[in-house]
Amino acid sequence: MPIHANFGATSSLCAIALGSNLSSNLGNSEEIVKAALVYLDSIPRVEVVKISQWYRTKAITGTIARSLDRKVTEIEATEAT
């Protein structure tokens, strides 16, 4: 594991897939995923490192489901010292 320059502690890289096909009081699918990214970045000792482009997958034909909007993000989590 790499040594995190700011804390002198070990850190781990993780990939997280986020997706939504719903709207809510938080907004549409894209706004919901963006809010999740902001939340992840606000967690102590977690840093959002990279975010993929936006992907939209069409719903399966014959269902009432909506298109799925998704992103993949890479985060770095640093262990508490």
Protein backbone atom coordinates (compact mmCIF):
# COMPACT_ATOMS: atom_id res chain seq x y z
CA MET A 1 0.00 0.00 0.00
CA PRO A 2 1.27 3.49 -0.76
CA ILE A 3 2.21 5.91 1.99
CA HIS A 4 -0.14 8.91 2.02
CA ALA A 5 1.97 12.08 1.86
CA ASN A 6 -0.33 14.21 4.03
CA PHE A 7 -0.87 11.88 6.95
CA GLY A 8 2.15 9.56 6.95
CA ALA A 9 -0.28 6.65 7.14
CA THR A 10 -0.97 3.84 4.71
CA SER A 11 -3.77 4.26 2.22
CA SER A 12 -5.77 2.07 -0.14
CA LEU A 13 -7.24 2.77 -3.55
CA CYS A 14 -10.81 1.60 -4.15
CA ALA A 15 -13.15 1.68 -7.13
CA ILE A 16 -16.82 2.39 -6.48
CA ALA A 17 -19.58 2.13 -9.07
CA LEU A 18 -22.48 4.54 -8.58
CA GLY A 19 -25.73 4.44 -10.52
CA SER A 20 -29.28 5.71 -10.54
CA ASN A 21 -32.38 5.35 -12.66
CA LEU A 22 -34.68 7.33 -10.38
CA SER A 23 -35.49 10.92 -9.62
CA SER A 24 -36.12 12.15 -6.09
CA ASN A 25 -36.14 15.28 -3.99
CA LEU A 26 -32.34 15.25 -4.55
CA GLY A 27 -32.87 15.73 -8.29
CA ASN A 28 -32.51 13.62 -11.41
CA SER A 29 -30.21 10.61 -11.79
CA GLU A 30 -27.12 12.66 -12.62
CA GLU A 31 -27.68 15.03 -9.68
CA ILE A 32 -28.14 12.07 -7.32
CA VAL A 33 -24.84 10.50 -8.40
CA LYS A 34 -23.05 13.87 -8.14
CA ALA A 35 -24.43 14.27 -4.59
CA ALA A 36 -23.08 10.81 -3.71
CA LEU A 37 -19.63 11.83 -4.99
CA VAL A 38 -19.70 15.02 -2.91
CA TYR A 39 -20.70 12.96 0.14
CA LEU A 40 -17.87 10.44 -0.43
CA ASP A 41 -15.36 13.27 -0.73
CA SER A 42 -16.61 14.78 2.56
CA ILE A 43 -15.79 11.65 4.59
CA PRO A 44 -12.65 12.16 6.71
CA ARG A 45 -9.59 10.33 5.32
CA VAL A 46 -11.37 9.65 2.00
CA GLU A 47 -10.39 11.52 -1.14
CA VAL A 48 -12.09 11.20 -4.53
CA VAL A 49 -9.15 10.75 -6.90
CA LYS A 50 -10.75 10.13 -10.31
CA ILE A 51 -14.25 10.11 -11.77
CA SER A 52 -15.18 8.37 -15.00
CA GLN A 53 -17.21 9.90 -17.77
CA TRP A 54 -21.00 9.63 -17.55
CA TYR A 55 -22.50 6.39 -18.91
CA ARG A 56 -26.17 5.93 -19.80
CA THR A 57 -27.52 2.43 -20.44
CA LYS A 58 -30.93 2.02 -22.06
CA ALA A 59 -33.61 0.19 -20.12
CA ILE A 60 -34.35 -3.41 -21.05
CA THR A 61 -37.09 -3.55 -23.68
CA GLY A 62 -40.49 -4.54 -22.34
CA THR A 63 -39.96 -3.21 -18.83
CA ILE A 64 -41.10 -0.03 -17.17
CA ALA A 65 -37.56 0.66 -15.97
CA ARG A 66 -35.85 3.87 -17.01
CA SER A 67 -32.36 4.23 -18.43
CA LEU A 68 -29.57 3.66 -15.92
CA ASP A 69 -27.09 6.51 -15.43
CA ARG A 70 -23.77 5.58 -13.89
CA LYS A 71 -20.21 6.60 -13.10
CA VAL A 72 -17.23 4.82 -11.62
CA THR A 73 -15.03 6.66 -9.18
CA GLU A 74 -11.66 5.91 -7.65
CA ILE A 75 -11.14 6.91 -4.04
CA GLU A 76 -8.16 6.81 -1.74
CA ALA A 77 -8.89 5.87 1.87
CA THR A 78 -6.25 6.58 4.50
CA GLU A 79 -6.08 4.56 7.70
CA ALA A 80 -6.41 6.45 10.95
CA THR A 81 -3.14 6.81 12.82
